[in-house]
Amino acid sequence: MADVEHPSENVVPIAEVVASTGLSADALRYYERSGLLPAIARTTGGQRRYTPRDLERITLSRTGSDGGSHRTGG
């Protein structure tokens, strides 16, 4: 896991992810533990810090989106 005490990216704490996604903190932790999300970077104090890419993965996994490449009908 990366140490993000001095991040080079814009990272956000779990509370902001909860607010923006509607998922609970427990759900986010479960997704990480179960491998649905890759290991989330943490501060030296152990607090998770989510990158924009992490947020994109969470959003895509919730919506089932594939970027609009699938088509319905025939």
C-alpha atoms as a PDB file:
ATOM      1  CA  MET A   1       0.000   0.000   0.000  1.00  0.00           C
ATOM      2  CA  ALA A   2       1.255   3.438  -0.853  1.00  0.00           C
ATOM      3  CA  ASP A   3       1.969   6.046   1.791  1.00  0.00           C
ATOM      4  CA  VAL A   4       0.101   9.212   0.915  1.00  0.00           C
ATOM      5  CA  GLU A   5       1.262  11.463   3.733  1.00  0.00           C
ATOM      6  CA  HIS A   6       2.622  13.754   1.013  1.00  0.00           C
ATOM      7  CA  PRO A   7       0.391  12.883  -1.950  1.00  0.00           C
ATOM      8  CA  SER A   8       1.267  13.778  -5.488  1.00  0.00           C
ATOM      9  CA  GLU A   9      -2.366  13.288  -6.542  1.00  0.00           C
ATOM     10  CA  ASN A  10      -5.616  14.801  -5.380  1.00  0.00           C
ATOM     11  CA  VAL A  11      -6.779  12.267  -2.787  1.00  0.00           C
ATOM     12  CA  VAL A  12      -9.840  12.257  -0.549  1.00  0.00           C
ATOM     13  CA  PRO A  13     -10.729  10.538   2.730  1.00  0.00           C
ATOM     14  CA  ILE A  14     -13.355   7.841   3.020  1.00  0.00           C
ATOM     15  CA  ALA A  15     -15.943  10.319   4.384  1.00  0.00           C
ATOM     16  CA  GLU A  16     -15.879  12.245   1.102  1.00  0.00           C
ATOM     17  CA  VAL A  17     -16.272   9.035  -0.893  1.00  0.00           C
ATOM     18  CA  VAL A  18     -19.255   8.094   1.276  1.00  0.00           C
ATOM     19  CA  ALA A  19     -20.829  11.512   0.669  1.00  0.00           C
ATOM     20  CA  SER A  20     -20.269  11.449  -3.076  1.00  0.00           C
ATOM     21  CA  THR A  21     -21.261   7.820  -3.760  1.00  0.00           C
ATOM     22  CA  GLY A  22     -23.935   7.050  -1.188  1.00  0.00           C
ATOM     23  CA  LEU A  23     -22.067   3.907  -0.163  1.00  0.00           C
ATOM     24  CA  SER A  24     -21.307   3.292   3.477  1.00  0.00           C
ATOM     25  CA  ALA A  25     -17.760   3.297   4.820  1.00  0.00           C
ATOM     26  CA  ASP A  26     -18.292  -0.363   5.762  1.00  0.00           C
ATOM     27  CA  ALA A  27     -19.223  -1.192   2.171  1.00  0.00           C
ATOM     28  CA  LEU A  28     -16.102   0.538   0.846  1.00  0.00           C
ATOM     29  CA  ARG A  29     -13.908  -1.356   3.317  1.00  0.00           C
ATOM     30  CA  TYR A  30     -15.618  -4.615   2.355  1.00  0.00           C
ATOM     31  CA  TYR A  31     -15.030  -3.971  -1.356  1.00  0.00           C
ATOM     32  CA  GLU A  32     -11.334  -3.474  -0.645  1.00  0.00           C
ATOM     33  CA  ARG A  33     -11.055  -6.569   1.600  1.00  0.00           C
ATOM     34  CA  SER A  34     -12.866  -8.776  -0.901  1.00  0.00           C
ATOM     35  CA  GLY A  35     -10.734  -7.601  -3.829  1.00  0.00           C
ATOM     36  CA  LEU A  36     -13.490  -5.736  -5.662  1.00  0.00           C
ATOM     37  CA  LEU A  37     -11.286  -2.665  -5.277  1.00  0.00           C
ATOM     38  CA  PRO A  38      -7.497  -2.736  -5.319  1.00  0.00           C
ATOM     39  CA  ALA A  39      -5.684  -1.881  -2.091  1.00  0.00           C
ATOM     40  CA  ILE A  40      -6.413   1.743  -1.244  1.00  0.00           C
ATOM     41  CA  ALA A  41      -3.493   4.021  -0.380  1.00  0.00           C
ATOM     42  CA  ARG A  42      -3.253   5.035   3.251  1.00  0.00           C
ATOM     43  CA  THR A  43      -1.617   7.708   5.319  1.00  0.00           C
ATOM     44  CA  THR A  44       1.083   6.730   7.788  1.00  0.00           C
ATOM     45  CA  GLY A  45      -1.715   6.811  10.366  1.00  0.00           C
ATOM     46  CA  GLY A  46      -3.628   4.150   8.398  1.00  0.00           C
ATOM     47  CA  GLN A  47      -6.407   6.352   7.032  1.00  0.00           C
ATOM     48  CA  ARG A  48      -7.566   5.459   3.548  1.00  0.00           C
ATOM     49  CA  ARG A  49      -7.095   8.033   0.809  1.00  0.00           C
ATOM     50  CA  TYR A  50      -8.960   7.543  -2.456  1.00  0.00           C
ATOM     51  CA  THR A  51      -7.575   8.783  -5.760  1.00  0.00           C
ATOM     52  CA  PRO A  52      -9.674  10.005  -8.693  1.00  0.00           C
ATOM     53  CA  ARG A  53      -9.053   6.591 -10.319  1.00  0.00           C
ATOM     54  CA  ASP A  54     -10.381   4.817  -7.208  1.00  0.00           C
ATOM     55  CA  LEU A  55     -13.527   6.958  -7.367  1.00  0.00           C
ATOM     56  CA  GLU A  56     -13.945   6.104 -11.040  1.00  0.00           C
ATOM     57  CA  ARG A  57     -13.682   2.378 -10.287  1.00  0.00           C
ATOM     58  CA  ILE A  58     -16.269   2.685  -7.518  1.00  0.00           C
ATOM     59  CA  THR A  59     -18.660   4.598  -9.752  1.00  0.00           C
ATOM     60  CA  LEU A  60     -18.248   2.185 -12.662  1.00  0.00           C
ATOM     61  CA  SER A  61     -18.709  -0.864 -10.442  1.00  0.00           C
ATOM     62  CA  ARG A  62     -21.898   0.601  -8.958  1.00  0.00           C
ATOM     63  CA  THR A  63     -23.473   1.516 -12.278  1.00  0.00           C
ATOM     64  CA  GLY A  64     -22.191  -1.440 -14.224  1.00  0.00           C
ATOM     65  CA  SER A  65     -21.076   1.033 -16.847  1.00  0.00           C
ATOM     66  CA  ASP A  66     -18.642   0.019 -19.518  1.00  0.00           C
ATOM     67  CA  GLY A  67     -18.124   3.539 -20.782  1.00  0.00           C
ATOM     68  CA  GLY A  68     -21.099   3.391 -23.106  1.00  0.00           C
ATOM     69  CA  SER A  69     -19.611   0.825 -25.454  1.00  0.00           C
ATOM     70  CA  HIS A  70     -22.401  -1.743 -25.144  1.00  0.00           C
ATOM     71  CA  ARG A  71     -25.533  -1.559 -27.190  1.00  0.00           C
ATOM     72  CA  THR A  72     -28.992  -2.798 -26.397  1.00  0.00           C
ATOM     73  CA  GLY A  73     -31.292  -4.378 -28.895  1.00  0.00           C
ATOM     74  CA  GLY A  74     -30.340  -5.937 -32.043  1.00  0.00           C
END
